[in-house]
Amino acid sequence: MPRYKLTIEYDGGPFVGWQRQDNGPSVQQALEEAALRYCGQAVVAHASGRTDAGVHAWGQVAHIEIDRGDPPGKVRDAINFHLRPLPVAVVSAEVVGDDFHARFSCRERSYVYRILNRRSRPALEAGRVWWVKGALDAEAMHAAAQELVGAHDFTSFRAKECQAKTPHKTLDELVVTRRGEEVEVYARARSFLHHQVRNMVGTVVAAGEGKWGPADIRRILLACDRAQAGQTAPACGLYFLRAEY
């Protein structure tokens, strides 16, 4: 049966997350139901990574199998037709081999977290950024963030409900930059713990507010205690950027 790799973007605001759940609509459900209406076949969409409620995506990757063997462009356009008016779109589709798996074949995942740093609340970007009206020092945030790069026990940045077998992860990059009124935090790793990116962002924001320095971030990391780290940044500012294979 032909297998298709789909690159997807979505606004996570209306959804309970990527994964199907009983308490509301999910992106996975929207994609699977659109595919069913297109081809008359029940499909299962496997994603490169599960996003939480309210988290967005520019480059989520999923794979599905459809037995009718249509060309990728037709698959993309037909699914998009049936996704309307939901804020989900298949950006590209391609045929892949049976050995490709969106989750297990993925070598690297990256996220971007967007912070609107100004006194006035967002009007056009409401629900798509974290509004922080107090001044943030992006250079201080970046310096503090470098303490988290590398292989560590990330218990201090792990959600209580995280189901990962181990808190040990290798963070390849954590970069903080400012573009005018927006501060962006870019994170890259093979995989992440539940809420790891949002917890790291909440912690380095405290550094940007002058509450902590690099030594404090190192102390928090070594404490292996979630209570020592900063707040969990809101879901609305987080974007799944890309998956590499």
Protein backbone atom coordinates (compact mmCIF):
# COMPACT_ATOMS: atom_id res chain seq x y z
CA MET A 1 0.00 0.00 0.00
CA PRO A 2 1.52 3.39 -0.95
CA ARG A 3 2.84 5.41 1.99
CA TYR A 4 2.81 9.20 1.87
CA LYS A 5 4.92 11.62 3.88
CA LEU A 6 2.93 14.77 4.61
CA THR A 7 4.32 18.09 5.80
CA ILE A 8 1.60 19.95 7.69
CA GLU A 9 1.04 23.36 9.21
CA TYR A 10 -1.69 24.20 11.67
CA ASP A 11 -2.99 26.66 14.20
CA GLY A 12 -3.20 24.67 17.42
CA GLY A 13 -5.67 27.02 19.09
CA PRO A 14 -8.88 25.08 18.31
CA PHE A 15 -7.38 21.66 19.08
CA VAL A 16 -6.61 19.56 22.16
CA GLY A 17 -3.27 18.74 20.56
CA TRP A 18 -2.02 16.46 17.81
CA GLN A 19 -3.21 13.17 19.29
CA ARG A 20 -6.81 11.96 19.25
CA GLN A 21 -8.46 12.43 22.64
CA ASP A 22 -11.94 12.09 24.09
CA ASN A 23 -12.14 15.67 25.37
CA GLY A 24 -12.14 17.56 22.08
CA PRO A 25 -10.99 17.76 18.46
CA SER A 26 -7.38 16.97 17.58
CA VAL A 27 -5.20 17.64 14.55
CA GLN A 28 -4.77 13.90 14.01
CA GLN A 29 -8.54 13.44 13.95
CA ALA A 30 -8.98 16.30 11.48
CA LEU A 31 -6.37 14.84 9.13
CA GLU A 32 -7.68 11.28 9.35
CA GLU A 33 -11.29 12.34 8.78
CA ALA A 34 -10.29 14.45 5.77
CA ALA A 35 -8.39 11.51 4.30
CA LEU A 36 -11.40 9.24 4.88
CA ARG A 37 -13.72 11.62 3.04
CA TYR A 38 -11.24 11.81 0.17
CA CYS A 39 -10.50 8.14 -0.37
CA GLY A 40 -13.24 6.26 1.50
CA GLN A 41 -10.60 4.41 3.47
CA ALA A 42 -9.91 4.59 7.20
CA VAL A 43 -6.31 5.74 7.71
CA VAL A 44 -4.07 6.33 10.69
CA ALA A 45 -1.81 9.39 10.69
CA HIS A 46 1.52 8.92 12.50
CA ALA A 47 3.31 12.16 13.43
CA SER A 48 6.97 13.00 13.97
CA GLY A 49 6.06 14.46 17.37
CA ARG A 50 2.94 15.08 19.42
CA THR A 51 2.10 18.70 20.13
CA ASP A 52 0.03 19.81 23.12
CA ALA A 53 -3.22 21.76 23.12
CA GLY A 54 -2.68 25.23 21.69
CA VAL A 55 0.75 24.49 20.17
CA HIS A 56 1.13 25.37 16.48
CA ALA A 57 3.16 23.84 13.64
CA TRP A 58 4.90 25.14 10.57
CA GLY A 59 6.50 21.84 9.60
CA GLN A 60 4.89 18.89 11.36
CA VAL A 61 5.51 15.64 9.48
CA ALA A 62 3.13 12.70 9.37
CA HIS A 63 2.69 9.61 7.25
CA ILE A 64 -0.43 7.83 6.06
CA GLU A 65 -1.14 4.88 3.78
CA ILE A 66 -3.75 5.04 1.00
CA ASP A 67 -4.32 2.07 -1.26
CA ARG A 68 -5.56 3.96 -4.33
CA GLY A 69 -2.05 5.10 -5.30
CA ASP A 70 -2.83 8.66 -6.38
CA PRO A 71 0.07 11.01 -7.17
CA PRO A 72 1.30 13.08 -4.18
CA GLY A 73 -0.03 16.37 -5.51
CA LYS A 74 -3.54 14.95 -5.75
CA VAL A 75 -3.31 13.51 -2.24
CA ARG A 76 -2.23 16.90 -0.88
CA ASP A 77 -4.95 18.85 -2.68
CA ALA A 78 -7.73 16.38 -1.92
CA ILE A 79 -6.96 16.24 1.79
CA ASN A 80 -6.73 20.02 1.93
CA PHE A 81 -10.14 20.30 0.26
CA HIS A 82 -11.70 18.14 2.95
CA LEU A 83 -9.82 19.88 5.79
CA ARG A 84 -11.60 23.17 5.10
CA PRO A 85 -12.45 25.32 7.03
CA LEU A 86 -10.20 23.98 9.81
CA PRO A 87 -6.84 25.80 10.29
CA VAL A 88 -4.84 22.78 9.07
CA ALA A 89 -3.10 22.47 5.70
CA VAL A 90 -0.94 19.84 4.03
CA VAL A 91 1.94 21.87 2.60
CA SER A 92 3.54 19.01 0.68
CA ALA A 93 3.19 15.28 0.07
CA GLU A 94 5.60 12.69 -1.25
CA VAL A 95 5.67 8.93 -1.69
CA VAL A 96 8.08 7.17 0.68
CA GLY A 97 9.14 3.59 1.23
CA ASP A 98 7.60 1.17 3.69
CA ASP A 99 10.61 1.62 5.95
CA PHE A 100 9.80 5.31 6.53
CA HIS A 101 8.06 6.17 9.79
CA ALA A 102 7.32 9.79 10.67
CA ARG A 103 8.20 9.25 14.32
CA PHE A 104 10.78 6.47 14.44
CA SER A 105 12.76 7.56 11.36
CA CYS A 106 13.09 11.12 12.61
CA ARG A 107 16.68 12.12 13.47
CA GLU A 108 16.02 15.63 14.76
CA ARG A 109 13.19 17.94 15.78
CA SER A 110 13.21 21.69 16.19
CA TYR A 111 10.86 24.21 17.75
CA VAL A 112 10.57 27.98 17.81
CA TYR A 113 9.03 29.86 20.70
CA ARG A 114 7.76 33.39 19.99
CA ILE A 115 7.56 36.11 22.64
CA LEU A 116 6.04 39.51 21.91
CA ASN A 117 7.93 41.88 24.19
CA ARG A 118 6.19 45.25 24.32
CA ARG A 119 3.86 47.23 26.53
CA SER A 120 0.80 46.94 24.27
CA ARG A 121 -1.06 43.65 24.10
CA PRO A 122 -1.16 41.81 20.75
CA ALA A 123 -4.16 42.36 18.49
CA LEU A 124 -3.16 40.52 15.29
CA GLU A 125 -0.94 37.94 17.02
CA ALA A 126 -3.22 37.10 19.94
CA GLY A 127 -3.10 33.35 20.53
CA ARG A 128 0.12 32.99 18.53
CA VAL A 129 2.70 34.57 20.85
CA TRP A 130 3.41 34.89 24.56
CA TRP A 131 2.95 38.53 25.47
CA VAL A 132 5.55 39.68 27.99
CA LYS A 133 5.19 43.42 28.56
CA GLY A 134 8.15 43.91 30.90
CA ALA A 135 11.58 44.49 29.37
CA LEU A 136 13.54 41.37 28.40
CA ASP A 137 17.30 41.22 27.85
CA ALA A 138 17.61 38.74 24.98
CA GLU A 139 21.40 38.59 25.29
CA ALA A 140 21.09 37.61 28.96
CA MET A 141 18.51 35.00 28.00
CA HIS A 142 20.83 33.53 25.39
CA ALA A 143 23.79 33.42 27.78
CA ALA A 144 21.68 31.64 30.40
CA ALA A 145 20.27 29.23 27.81
CA GLN A 146 23.75 27.94 26.93
CA GLU A 147 23.92 26.23 30.33
CA LEU A 148 21.24 23.84 29.09
CA VAL A 149 22.94 22.82 25.84
CA GLY A 150 24.41 19.32 25.82
CA ALA A 151 23.58 15.96 27.40
CA HIS A 152 21.86 16.35 30.78
CA ASP A 153 19.26 15.04 33.16
CA PHE A 154 16.39 17.44 32.38
CA THR A 155 14.18 16.49 35.33
CA SER A 156 13.95 20.17 36.32
CA PHE A 157 12.33 20.90 32.95
CA ARG A 158 10.11 17.83 32.69
CA ALA A 159 6.33 17.82 33.11
CA LYS A 160 4.99 15.68 35.95
CA GLU A 161 2.90 13.65 33.50
CA CYS A 162 5.84 13.00 31.14
CA GLN A 163 5.90 9.36 30.03
CA ALA A 164 9.48 9.26 28.73
CA LYS A 165 11.50 6.35 30.05
CA THR A 166 14.37 8.60 31.09
CA PRO A 167 14.86 12.34 31.78
CA HIS A 168 18.23 12.24 30.04
CA LYS A 169 18.26 14.11 26.73
CA THR A 170 20.81 15.84 24.52
CA LEU A 171 19.91 19.42 23.62
CA ASP A 172 21.84 20.36 20.48
CA GLU A 173 20.91 24.06 20.32
CA LEU A 174 19.05 26.65 22.37
CA VAL A 175 19.35 30.07 20.75
CA VAL A 176 17.67 33.30 21.81
CA THR A 177 17.44 36.20 19.38
CA ARG A 178 15.56 39.48 19.21
CA ARG A 179 13.89 40.87 16.09
CA GLY A 180 12.41 44.21 17.01
CA GLU A 181 9.61 43.64 19.49
CA GLU A 182 9.78 39.85 19.16
CA VAL A 183 12.12 37.54 21.04
CA GLU A 184 12.51 34.05 19.58
CA VAL A 185 13.83 30.94 21.28
CA TYR A 186 15.00 28.18 18.91
CA ALA A 187 15.48 24.65 20.28
CA ARG A 188 16.89 21.66 18.42
CA ALA A 189 17.35 18.05 19.60
CA ARG A 190 16.66 14.49 18.57
CA SER A 191 13.73 14.43 20.98
CA PHE A 192 12.28 16.37 23.90
CA LEU A 193 10.56 15.62 27.18
CA HIS A 194 6.95 16.63 27.72
CA HIS A 195 6.84 20.44 28.22
CA GLN A 196 10.66 20.61 28.10
CA VAL A 197 10.79 23.48 25.62
CA ARG A 198 8.07 25.50 27.36
CA ASN A 199 9.72 24.96 30.76
CA MET A 200 13.12 26.00 29.43
CA VAL A 201 11.58 29.12 27.88
CA GLY A 202 9.86 30.06 31.13
CA THR A 203 13.18 29.72 32.91
CA VAL A 204 15.30 31.75 30.49
CA VAL A 205 12.63 34.48 30.45
CA ALA A 206 13.29 34.87 34.18
CA ALA A 207 16.94 35.35 33.25
CA GLY A 208 15.90 38.00 30.73
CA GLU A 209 14.04 39.79 33.52
CA GLY A 210 17.22 39.88 35.59
CA LYS A 211 16.06 37.36 38.19
CA TRP A 212 18.63 34.68 37.34
CA GLY A 213 22.00 34.42 35.67
CA PRO A 214 23.82 31.51 33.99
CA ALA A 215 24.99 30.13 37.36
CA ASP A 216 21.39 29.97 38.55
CA ILE A 217 20.33 28.07 35.44
CA ARG A 218 23.13 25.59 36.02
CA ARG A 219 22.04 25.19 39.64
CA ILE A 220 18.44 24.59 38.57
CA LEU A 221 19.53 21.99 36.02
CA LEU A 222 21.65 20.10 38.56
CA ALA A 223 18.88 20.20 41.18
CA CYS A 224 16.76 17.77 39.12
CA ASP A 225 13.70 19.37 40.71
CA ARG A 226 10.91 20.88 38.60
CA ALA A 227 9.97 23.22 41.46
CA GLN A 228 13.34 24.98 41.14
CA ALA A 229 12.83 26.06 37.51
CA GLY A 230 10.68 28.81 36.03
CA GLN A 231 7.09 28.77 34.92
CA THR A 232 5.78 26.73 31.99
CA ALA A 233 5.53 29.18 29.11
CA PRO A 234 2.06 29.34 27.50
CA ALA A 235 1.36 26.88 24.69
CA CYS A 236 0.30 29.63 22.28
CA GLY A 237 3.88 30.80 21.64
CA LEU A 238 5.29 27.40 20.66
CA TYR A 239 5.67 26.18 17.08
CA PHE A 240 6.86 22.80 15.80
CA LEU A 241 9.31 24.05 13.19
CA ARG A 242 10.64 20.99 11.35
CA ALA A 243 11.56 17.33 11.50
CA GLU A 244 14.75 16.05 9.87
CA TYR A 245 15.23 12.55 8.42
